[in-house]
Amino acid sequence: MKGFTRGDVARLRDWYRVRPGYWFAPKAYGLGAVPVTWQGWLLTAGFVLLALLIAGIAQQRSPAWLALLAPLTIGFVGLCWAKTDGGWRWRWGAEDRK
């Protein structure tokens, strides 16, 4: 199986480079973004930890977990959208970067 070459690594680095002030880069395929700075990774990890905490604390048969998780998710997605360099739209890979 072929491994990564220096050209592959450089191409990935260029693909996920963002301007200052942005924490996420658009995904190469599909809709959404990926964290590329420490701030983006911290926000993502914080969201996951808070979601797990809410799921663990809320009673299983109570809809209270949804009342807590919905605003958390909306806020997370909104902040990701605002901090993505290039915006969100459906992408088809390398031919879509032209």
PDB file of N, CA and C in Angstrom:
ATOM      1  N   MET A   1       0.847  -1.180   0.000  1.00  0.00           N
ATOM      2  CA  MET A   1       0.000   0.000   0.000  1.00  0.00           C
ATOM      3  C   MET A   1       0.887   1.236   0.000  1.00  0.00           C
ATOM      4  N   LYS A   2       0.543   2.184  -0.813  1.00  0.00           N
ATOM      5  CA  LYS A   2       1.339   3.403  -0.947  1.00  0.00           C
ATOM      6  C   LYS A   2       1.098   4.326   0.247  1.00  0.00           C
ATOM      7  N   GLY A   3       2.167   4.877   0.794  1.00  0.00           N
ATOM      8  CA  GLY A   3       2.050   5.815   1.910  1.00  0.00           C
ATOM      9  C   GLY A   3       1.940   7.247   1.413  1.00  0.00           C
ATOM     10  N   PHE A   4       1.874   8.154   2.358  1.00  0.00           N
ATOM     11  CA  PHE A   4       1.820   9.575   2.019  1.00  0.00           C
ATOM     12  C   PHE A   4       3.173  10.044   1.510  1.00  0.00           C
ATOM     13  N   THR A   5       3.159  10.856   0.473  1.00  0.00           N
ATOM     14  CA  THR A   5       4.381  11.484  -0.013  1.00  0.00           C
ATOM     15  C   THR A   5       4.405  12.922   0.489  1.00  0.00           C
ATOM     16  N   ARG A   6       5.524  13.589   0.308  1.00  0.00           N
ATOM     17  CA  ARG A   6       5.612  14.998   0.716  1.00  0.00           C
ATOM     18  C   ARG A   6       4.606  15.858  -0.039  1.00  0.00           C
ATOM     19  N   GLY A   7       4.374  15.509  -1.288  1.00  0.00           N
ATOM     20  CA  GLY A   7       3.391  16.249  -2.077  1.00  0.00           C
ATOM     21  C   GLY A   7       1.981  16.104  -1.521  1.00  0.00           C
ATOM     22  N   ASP A   8       1.656  14.886  -1.058  1.00  0.00           N
ATOM     23  CA  ASP A   8       0.333  14.653  -0.458  1.00  0.00           C
ATOM     24  C   ASP A   8       0.161  15.479   0.803  1.00  0.00           C
ATOM     25  N   VAL A   9       1.172  15.493   1.648  1.00  0.00           N
ATOM     26  CA  VAL A   9       1.112  16.244   2.902  1.00  0.00           C
ATOM     27  C   VAL A   9       0.998  17.737   2.617  1.00  0.00           C
ATOM     28  N   ALA A  10       1.769  18.235   1.662  1.00  0.00           N
ATOM     29  CA  ALA A  10       1.711  19.658   1.309  1.00  0.00           C
ATOM     30  C   ALA A  10       0.332  20.023   0.755  1.00  0.00           C
ATOM     31  N   ARG A  11      -0.242  19.135  -0.050  1.00  0.00           N
ATOM     32  CA  ARG A  11      -1.562  19.389  -0.622  1.00  0.00           C
ATOM     33  C   ARG A  11      -2.632  19.436   0.478  1.00  0.00           C
ATOM     34  N   LEU A  12      -2.547  18.528   1.446  1.00  0.00           N
ATOM     35  CA  LEU A  12      -3.486  18.554   2.572  1.00  0.00           C
ATOM     36  C   LEU A  12      -3.320  19.814   3.406  1.00  0.00           C
ATOM     37  N   ARG A  13      -2.070  20.195   3.643  1.00  0.00           N
ATOM     38  CA  ARG A  13      -1.811  21.406   4.429  1.00  0.00           C
ATOM     39  C   ARG A  13      -2.386  22.630   3.724  1.00  0.00           C
ATOM     40  N   ASP A  14      -2.211  22.722   2.422  1.00  0.00           N
ATOM     41  CA  ASP A  14      -2.762  23.849   1.665  1.00  0.00           C
ATOM     42  C   ASP A  14      -4.291  23.818   1.657  1.00  0.00           C
ATOM     43  N   TRP A  15      -4.863  22.628   1.557  1.00  0.00           N
ATOM     44  CA  TRP A  15      -6.316  22.486   1.503  1.00  0.00           C
ATOM     45  C   TRP A  15      -6.962  23.023   2.772  1.00  0.00           C
ATOM     46  N   TYR A  16      -6.337  22.741   3.924  1.00  0.00           N
ATOM     47  CA  TYR A  16      -6.937  23.105   5.211  1.00  0.00           C
ATOM     48  C   TYR A  16      -6.302  24.335   5.850  1.00  0.00           C
ATOM     49  N   ARG A  17      -5.665  25.173   5.069  1.00  0.00           N
ATOM     50  CA  ARG A  17      -5.122  26.426   5.579  1.00  0.00           C
ATOM     51  C   ARG A  17      -6.240  27.459   5.621  1.00  0.00           C
ATOM     52  N   VAL A  18      -6.300  28.215   6.726  1.00  0.00           N
ATOM     53  CA  VAL A  18      -7.345  29.236   6.865  1.00  0.00           C
ATOM     54  C   VAL A  18      -6.703  30.582   7.166  1.00  0.00           C
ATOM     55  N   ARG A  19      -7.456  31.638   6.866  1.00  0.00           N
ATOM     56  CA  ARG A  19      -6.985  32.986   7.170  1.00  0.00           C
ATOM     57  C   ARG A  19      -7.074  33.238   8.670  1.00  0.00           C
ATOM     58  N   PRO A  20      -6.313  34.201   9.185  1.00  0.00           N
ATOM     59  CA  PRO A  20      -6.379  34.510  10.625  1.00  0.00           C
ATOM     60  C   PRO A  20      -7.805  34.864  11.051  1.00  0.00           C
ATOM     61  N   GLY A  21      -8.182  34.394  12.217  1.00  0.00           N
ATOM     62  CA  GLY A  21      -9.513  34.655  12.743  1.00  0.00           C
ATOM     63  C   GLY A  21     -10.512  33.545  12.477  1.00  0.00           C
ATOM     64  N   TYR A  22     -10.164  32.613  11.602  1.00  0.00           N
ATOM     65  CA  TYR A  22     -11.042  31.480  11.310  1.00  0.00           C
ATOM     66  C   TYR A  22     -10.504  30.234  12.000  1.00  0.00           C
ATOM     67  N   TRP A  23     -11.406  29.378  12.455  1.00  0.00           N
ATOM     68  CA  TRP A  23     -11.022  28.177  13.196  1.00  0.00           C
ATOM     69  C   TRP A  23     -11.312  26.897  12.435  1.00  0.00           C
ATOM     70  N   PHE A  24     -12.136  26.992  11.394  1.00  0.00           N
ATOM     71  CA  PHE A  24     -12.567  25.810  10.650  1.00  0.00           C
ATOM     72  C   PHE A  24     -12.317  26.018   9.163  1.00  0.00           C
ATOM     73  N   ALA A  25     -12.081  24.909   8.453  1.00  0.00           N
ATOM     74  CA  ALA A  25     -11.954  24.925   6.996  1.00  0.00           C
ATOM     75  C   ALA A  25     -13.114  24.122   6.417  1.00  0.00           C
ATOM     76  N   PRO A  26     -13.593  24.492   5.232  1.00  0.00           N
ATOM     77  CA  PRO A  26     -14.671  23.713   4.617  1.00  0.00           C
ATOM     78  C   PRO A  26     -14.213  22.286   4.336  1.00  0.00           C
ATOM     79  N   LYS A  27     -15.133  21.347   4.468  1.00  0.00           N
ATOM     80  CA  LYS A  27     -14.830  19.961   4.133  1.00  0.00           C
ATOM     81  C   LYS A  27     -14.566  19.850   2.641  1.00  0.00           C
ATOM     82  N   ALA A  28     -13.731  18.891   2.254  1.00  0.00           N
ATOM     83  CA  ALA A  28     -13.434  18.683   0.845  1.00  0.00           C
ATOM     84  C   ALA A  28     -14.630  18.101   0.098  1.00  0.00           C
ATOM     85  N   TYR A  29     -15.367  17.225   0.748  1.00  0.00           N
ATOM     86  CA  TYR A  29     -16.535  16.587   0.143  1.00  0.00           C
ATOM     87  C   TYR A  29     -17.731  16.775   1.062  1.00  0.00           C
ATOM     88  N   GLY A  30     -18.855  17.156   0.508  1.00  0.00           N
ATOM     89  CA  GLY A  30     -20.069  17.291   1.298  1.00  0.00           C
ATOM     90  C   GLY A  30     -20.222  18.675   1.892  1.00  0.00           C
ATOM     91  N   LEU A  31     -21.067  18.751   2.917  1.00  0.00           N
ATOM     92  CA  LEU A  31     -21.409  20.009   3.566  1.00  0.00           C
ATOM     93  C   LEU A  31     -20.818  20.033   4.962  1.00  0.00           C
ATOM     94  N   GLY A  32     -20.269  21.151   5.362  1.00  0.00           N
ATOM     95  CA  GLY A  32     -19.761  21.275   6.723  1.00  0.00           C
ATOM     96  C   GLY A  32     -18.330  21.763   6.769  1.00  0.00           C
ATOM     97  N   ALA A  33     -17.729  21.608   7.946  1.00  0.00           N
ATOM     98  CA  ALA A  33     -16.385  22.122   8.171  1.00  0.00           C
ATOM     99  C   ALA A  33     -15.633  21.193   9.113  1.00  0.00           C
ATOM    100  N   VAL A  34     -14.316  21.334   9.113  1.00  0.00           N
ATOM    101  CA  VAL A  34     -13.460  20.570  10.023  1.00  0.00           C
ATOM    102  C   VAL A  34     -12.603  21.549  10.815  1.00  0.00           C
ATOM    103  N   PRO A  35     -12.347  21.254  12.091  1.00  0.00           N
ATOM    104  CA  PRO A  35     -11.493  22.148  12.877  1.00  0.00           C
ATOM    105  C   PRO A  35     -10.043  22.054  12.406  1.00  0.00           C
ATOM    106  N   VAL A  36      -9.391  23.215  12.270  1.00  0.00           N
ATOM    107  CA  VAL A  36      -7.999  23.223  11.815  1.00  0.00           C
ATOM    108  C   VAL A  36      -7.084  24.033  12.727  1.00  0.00           C
ATOM    109  N   THR A  37      -7.634  24.696  13.724  1.00  0.00           N
ATOM    110  CA  THR A  37      -6.809  25.431  14.688  1.00  0.00           C
ATOM    111  C   THR A  37      -7.106  24.883  16.079  1.00  0.00           C
ATOM    112  N   TRP A  38      -6.271  25.257  17.031  1.00  0.00           N
ATOM    113  CA  TRP A  38      -6.492  24.756  18.392  1.00  0.00           C
ATOM    114  C   TRP A  38      -7.826  25.250  18.944  1.00  0.00           C
ATOM    115  N   GLN A  39      -8.244  26.454  18.535  1.00  0.00           N
ATOM    116  CA  GLN A  39      -9.521  26.980  19.003  1.00  0.00           C
ATOM    117  C   GLN A  39     -10.692  26.134  18.482  1.00  0.00           C
ATOM    118  N   GLY A  40     -10.601  25.740  17.226  1.00  0.00           N
ATOM    119  CA  GLY A  40     -11.642  24.895  16.648  1.00  0.00           C
ATOM    120  C   GLY A  40     -11.708  23.527  17.308  1.00  0.00           C
ATOM    121  N   TRP A  41     -10.533  22.952  17.559  1.00  0.00           N
ATOM    122  CA  TRP A  41     -10.495  21.650  18.236  1.00  0.00           C
ATOM    123  C   TRP A  41     -11.001  21.769  19.669  1.00  0.00           C
ATOM    124  N   LEU A  42     -10.662  22.857  20.352  1.00  0.00           N
ATOM    125  CA  LEU A  42     -11.135  23.062  21.726  1.00  0.00           C
ATOM    126  C   LEU A  42     -12.657  23.230  21.752  1.00  0.00           C
ATOM    127  N   LEU A  43     -13.194  24.000  20.823  1.00  0.00           N
ATOM    128  CA  LEU A  43     -14.640  24.179  20.745  1.00  0.00           C
ATOM    129  C   LEU A  43     -15.338  22.843  20.481  1.00  0.00           C
ATOM    130  N   THR A  44     -14.807  22.058  19.567  1.00  0.00           N
ATOM    131  CA  THR A  44     -15.398  20.761  19.242  1.00  0.00           C
ATOM    132  C   THR A  44     -15.343  19.810  20.432  1.00  0.00           C
ATOM    133  N   ALA A  45     -14.189  19.744  21.090  1.00  0.00           N
ATOM    134  CA  ALA A  45     -14.052  18.875  22.266  1.00  0.00           C
ATOM    135  C   ALA A  45     -14.979  19.334  23.389  1.00  0.00           C
ATOM    136  N   GLY A  46     -15.089  20.642  23.590  1.00  0.00           N
ATOM    137  CA  GLY A  46     -15.988  21.174  24.610  1.00  0.00           C
ATOM    138  C   GLY A  46     -17.439  20.830  24.319  1.00  0.00           C
ATOM    139  N   PHE A  47     -17.830  20.923  23.060  1.00  0.00           N
ATOM    140  CA  PHE A  47     -19.199  20.564  22.680  1.00  0.00           C
ATOM    141  C   PHE A  47     -19.472  19.094  22.978  1.00  0.00           C
ATOM    142  N   VAL A  48     -18.552  18.230  22.587  1.00  0.00           N
ATOM    143  CA  VAL A  48     -18.741  16.791  22.820  1.00  0.00           C
ATOM    144  C   VAL A  48     -18.821  16.494  24.312  1.00  0.00           C
ATOM    145  N   LEU A  49     -17.924  17.089  25.097  1.00  0.00           N
ATOM    146  CA  LEU A  49     -17.935  16.849  26.545  1.00  0.00           C
ATOM    147  C   LEU A  49     -19.224  17.352  27.192  1.00  0.00           C
ATOM    148  N   LEU A  50     -19.673  18.543  26.820  1.00  0.00           N
ATOM    149  CA  LEU A  50     -20.926  19.067  27.371  1.00  0.00           C
ATOM    150  C   LEU A  50     -22.128  18.216  26.955  1.00  0.00           C
ATOM    151  N   ALA A  51     -22.133  17.746  25.711  1.00  0.00           N
ATOM    152  CA  ALA A  51     -23.237  16.896  25.253  1.00  0.00           C
ATOM    153  C   ALA A  51     -23.265  15.583  26.036  1.00  0.00           C
ATOM    154  N   LEU A  52     -22.089  15.005  26.271  1.00  0.00           N
ATOM    155  CA  LEU A  52     -22.030  13.777  27.069  1.00  0.00           C
ATOM    156  C   LEU A  52     -22.449  14.029  28.508  1.00  0.00           C
ATOM    157  N   LEU A  53     -22.055  15.160  29.055  1.00  0.00           N
ATOM    158  CA  LEU A  53     -22.439  15.520  30.418  1.00  0.00           C
ATOM    159  C   LEU A  53     -23.956  15.692  30.528  1.00  0.00           C
ATOM    160  N   ILE A  54     -24.544  16.381  29.572  1.00  0.00           N
ATOM    161  CA  ILE A  54     -26.003  16.561  29.561  1.00  0.00           C
ATOM    162  C   ILE A  54     -26.699  15.208  29.461  1.00  0.00           C
ATOM    163  N   ALA A  55     -26.207  14.348  28.577  1.00  0.00           N
ATOM    164  CA  ALA A  55     -26.817  13.025  28.410  1.00  0.00           C
ATOM    165  C   ALA A  55     -26.679  12.190  29.680  1.00  0.00           C
ATOM    166  N   GLY A  56     -25.568  12.339  30.381  1.00  0.00           N
ATOM    167  CA  GLY A  56     -25.357  11.568  31.600  1.00  0.00           C
ATOM    168  C   GLY A  56     -26.150  12.073  32.783  1.00  0.00           C
ATOM    169  N   ILE A  57     -26.349  13.380  32.866  1.00  0.00           N
ATOM    170  CA  ILE A  57     -27.041  13.972  34.012  1.00  0.00           C
ATOM    171  C   ILE A  57     -28.560  13.874  33.868  1.00  0.00           C
ATOM    172  N   ALA A  58     -29.052  14.126  32.678  1.00  0.00           N
ATOM    173  CA  ALA A  58     -30.507  14.143  32.462  1.00  0.00           C
ATOM    174  C   ALA A  58     -31.089  12.750  32.663  1.00  0.00           C
ATOM    175  N   GLN A  59     -32.269  12.719  33.213  1.00  0.00           N
ATOM    176  CA  GLN A  59     -32.949  11.438  33.375  1.00  0.00           C
ATOM    177  C   GLN A  59     -33.310  10.893  32.000  1.00  0.00           C
ATOM    178  N   GLN A  60     -33.176   9.602  31.858  1.00  0.00           N
ATOM    179  CA  GLN A  60     -33.334   8.988  30.542  1.00  0.00           C
ATOM    180  C   GLN A  60     -34.718   9.187  29.930  1.00  0.00           C
ATOM    181  N   ARG A  61     -35.737   9.218  30.732  1.00  0.00           N
ATOM    182  CA  ARG A  61     -37.091   9.333  30.181  1.00  0.00           C
ATOM    183  C   ARG A  61     -37.618  10.767  30.204  1.00  0.00           C
ATOM    184  N   SER A  62     -36.789  11.680  30.577  1.00  0.00           N
ATOM    185  CA  SER A  62     -37.206  13.074  30.663  1.00  0.00           C
ATOM    186  C   SER A  62     -36.795  13.829  29.397  1.00  0.00           C
ATOM    187  N   PRO A  63     -37.673  14.704  28.876  1.00  0.00           N
ATOM    188  CA  PRO A  63     -37.297  15.501  27.703  1.00  0.00           C
ATOM    189  C   PRO A  63     -36.382  16.681  28.055  1.00  0.00           C
ATOM    190  N   ALA A  64     -35.975  16.783  29.312  1.00  0.00           N
ATOM    191  CA  ALA A  64     -35.130  17.907  29.721  1.00  0.00           C
ATOM    192  C   ALA A  64     -33.787  17.902  29.000  1.00  0.00           C
ATOM    193  N   TRP A  65     -33.258  16.736  28.678  1.00  0.00           N
ATOM    194  CA  TRP A  65     -31.967  16.682  28.003  1.00  0.00           C
ATOM    195  C   TRP A  65     -32.040  17.353  26.641  1.00  0.00           C
ATOM    196  N   LEU A  66     -33.190  17.231  25.981  1.00  0.00           N
ATOM    197  CA  LEU A  66     -33.360  17.867  24.674  1.00  0.00           C
ATOM    198  C   LEU A  66     -33.418  19.382  24.809  1.00  0.00           C
ATOM    199  N   ALA A  67     -34.042  19.862  25.875  1.00  0.00           N
ATOM    200  CA  ALA A  67     -34.123  21.306  26.114  1.00  0.00           C
ATOM    201  C   ALA A  67     -32.746  21.899  26.380  1.00  0.00           C
ATOM    202  N   LEU A  68     -31.825  21.102  26.869  1.00  0.00           N
ATOM    203  CA  LEU A  68     -30.457  21.571  27.101  1.00  0.00           C
ATOM    204  C   LEU A  68     -29.567  21.345  25.882  1.00  0.00           C
ATOM    205  N   LEU A  69     -29.750  20.209  25.225  1.00  0.00           N
ATOM    206  CA  LEU A  69     -28.882  19.851  24.106  1.00  0.00           C
ATOM    207  C   LEU A  69     -29.186  20.663  22.841  1.00  0.00           C
ATOM    208  N   ALA A  70     -30.434  20.995  22.598  1.00  0.00           N
ATOM    209  CA  ALA A  70     -30.802  21.736  21.382  1.00  0.00           C
ATOM    210  C   ALA A  70     -30.127  23.104  21.304  1.00  0.00           C
ATOM    211  N   PRO A  71     -30.184  23.954  22.351  1.00  0.00           N
ATOM    212  CA  PRO A  71     -29.497  25.248  22.242  1.00  0.00           C
ATOM    213  C   PRO A  71     -27.977  25.101  22.160  1.00  0.00           C
ATOM    214  N   LEU A  72     -27.436  24.085  22.840  1.00  0.00           N
ATOM    215  CA  LEU A  72     -25.992  23.840  22.768  1.00  0.00           C
ATOM    216  C   LEU A  72     -25.587  23.509  21.333  1.00  0.00           C
ATOM    217  N   THR A  73     -26.353  22.633  20.684  1.00  0.00           N
ATOM    218  CA  THR A  73     -26.049  22.232  19.310  1.00  0.00           C
ATOM    219  C   THR A  73     -26.229  23.396  18.340  1.00  0.00           C
ATOM    220  N   ILE A  74     -27.300  24.149  18.491  1.00  0.00           N
ATOM    221  CA  ILE A  74     -27.538  25.305  17.617  1.00  0.00           C
ATOM    222  C   ILE A  74     -26.416  26.329  17.774  1.00  0.00           C
ATOM    223  N   GLY A  75     -26.000  26.579  18.994  1.00  0.00           N
ATOM    224  CA  GLY A  75     -24.892  27.507  19.232  1.00  0.00           C
ATOM    225  C   GLY A  75     -23.585  27.013  18.652  1.00  0.00           C
ATOM    226  N   PHE A  76     -23.311  25.722  18.809  1.00  0.00           N
ATOM    227  CA  PHE A  76     -22.081  25.136  18.270  1.00  0.00           C
ATOM    228  C   PHE A  76     -22.048  25.228  16.749  1.00  0.00           C
ATOM    229  N   VAL A  77     -23.128  24.822  16.101  1.00  0.00           N
ATOM    230  CA  VAL A  77     -23.182  24.870  14.634  1.00  0.00           C
ATOM    231  C   VAL A  77     -23.099  26.312  14.144  1.00  0.00           C
ATOM    232  N   GLY A  78     -23.772  27.231  14.825  1.00  0.00           N
ATOM    233  CA  GLY A  78     -23.712  28.643  14.437  1.00  0.00           C
ATOM    234  C   GLY A  78     -22.315  29.218  14.549  1.00  0.00           C
ATOM    235  N   LEU A  79     -21.618  28.884  15.621  1.00  0.00           N
ATOM    236  CA  LEU A  79     -20.247  29.370  15.791  1.00  0.00           C
ATOM    237  C   LEU A  79     -19.311  28.732  14.768  1.00  0.00           C
ATOM    238  N   CYS A  80     -19.499  27.450  14.494  1.00  0.00           N
ATOM    239  CA  CYS A  80     -18.701  26.793  13.450  1.00  0.00           C
ATOM    240  C   CYS A  80     -18.923  27.464  12.100  1.00  0.00           C
ATOM    241  N   TRP A  81     -20.171  27.757  11.780  1.00  0.00           N
ATOM    242  CA  TRP A  81     -20.495  28.406  10.510  1.00  0.00           C
ATOM    243  C   TRP A  81     -19.828  29.778  10.417  1.00  0.00           C
ATOM    244  N   ALA A  82     -19.878  30.539  11.512  1.00  0.00           N
ATOM    245  CA  ALA A  82     -19.300  31.889  11.514  1.00  0.00           C
ATOM    246  C   ALA A  82     -17.780  31.861  11.437  1.00  0.00           C
ATOM    247  N   LYS A  83     -17.162  30.813  11.947  1.00  0.00           N
ATOM    248  CA  LYS A  83     -15.703  30.731  12.010  1.00  0.00           C
ATOM    249  C   LYS A  83     -15.106  29.845  10.915  1.00  0.00           C
ATOM    250  N   THR A  84     -15.902  29.532   9.872  1.00  0.00           N
ATOM    251  CA  THR A  84     -15.399  28.729   8.757  1.00  0.00           C
ATOM    252  C   THR A  84     -14.916  29.648   7.649  1.00  0.00           C
ATOM    253  N   ASP A  85     -13.681  29.455   7.223  1.00  0.00           N
ATOM    254  CA  ASP A  85     -13.087  30.244   6.147  1.00  0.00           C
ATOM    255  C   ASP A  85     -13.553  29.684   4.804  1.00  0.00           C
ATOM    256  N   GLY A  86     -14.483  30.358   4.166  1.00  0.00           N
ATOM    257  CA  GLY A  86     -14.971  29.904   2.870  1.00  0.00           C
ATOM    258  C   GLY A  86     -16.439  29.545   2.866  1.00  0.00           C
ATOM    259  N   GLY A  87     -17.062  29.564   4.003  1.00  0.00           N
ATOM    260  CA  GLY A  87     -18.492  29.300   4.069  1.00  0.00           C
ATOM    261  C   GLY A  87     -18.855  27.843   3.878  1.00  0.00           C
ATOM    262  N   TRP A  88     -20.130  27.574   4.060  1.00  0.00           N
ATOM    263  CA  TRP A  88     -20.646  26.218   3.926  1.00  0.00           C
ATOM    264  C   TRP A  88     -21.447  26.095   2.642  1.00  0.00           C
ATOM    265  N   ARG A  89     -21.132  25.110   1.867  1.00  0.00           N
ATOM    266  CA  ARG A  89     -21.900  24.716   0.690  1.00  0.00           C
ATOM    267  C   ARG A  89     -21.448  23.310   0.330  1.00  0.00           C
ATOM    268  N   TRP A  90     -22.198  22.655  -0.502  1.00  0.00           N
ATOM    269  CA  TRP A  90     -21.833  21.302  -0.905  1.00  0.00           C
ATOM    270  C   TRP A  90     -20.585  21.362  -1.772  1.00  0.00           C
ATOM    271  N   ARG A  91     -19.605  20.532  -1.469  1.00  0.00           N
ATOM    272  CA  ARG A  91     -18.348  20.507  -2.219  1.00  0.00           C
ATOM    273  C   ARG A  91     -18.108  19.110  -2.786  1.00  0.00           C
ATOM    274  N   TRP A  92     -17.418  19.084  -3.934  1.00  0.00           N
ATOM    275  CA  TRP A  92     -17.153  17.834  -4.639  1.00  0.00           C
ATOM    276  C   TRP A  92     -15.668  17.525  -4.732  1.00  0.00           C
ATOM    277  N   GLY A  93     -14.847  18.029  -3.846  1.00  0.00           N
ATOM    278  CA  GLY A  93     -13.434  17.686  -3.839  1.00  0.00           C
ATOM    279  C   GLY A  93     -12.571  18.687  -4.569  1.00  0.00           C
ATOM    280  N   ALA A  94     -11.470  18.172  -5.136  1.00  0.00           N
ATOM    281  CA  ALA A  94     -10.446  19.025  -5.737  1.00  0.00           C
ATOM    282  C   ALA A  94     -10.987  19.879  -6.882  1.00  0.00           C
ATOM    283  N   GLU A  95     -11.869  19.331  -7.700  1.00  0.00           N
ATOM    284  CA  GLU A  95     -12.380  20.116  -8.832  1.00  0.00           C
ATOM    285  C   GLU A  95     -13.262  21.271  -8.372  1.00  0.00           C
ATOM    286  N   ASP A  96     -13.702  21.235  -7.121  1.00  0.00           N
ATOM    287  CA  ASP A  96     -14.546  22.298  -6.576  1.00  0.00           C
ATOM    288  C   ASP A  96     -13.720  23.427  -5.970  1.00  0.00           C
ATOM    289  N   ARG A  97     -12.405  23.281  -5.876  1.00  0.00           N
ATOM    290  CA  ARG A  97     -11.536  24.289  -5.267  1.00  0.00           C
ATOM    291  C   ARG A  97     -11.046  25.313  -6.276  1.00  0.00           C
ATOM    292  N   LYS A  98     -11.403  25.180  -7.528  1.00  0.00           N
ATOM    293  CA  LYS A  98     -10.913  26.095  -8.561  1.00  0.00           C
ATOM    294  C   LYS A  98     -11.512  27.459  -8.420  1.00  0.00           C
TER     295      LYS A  98
END
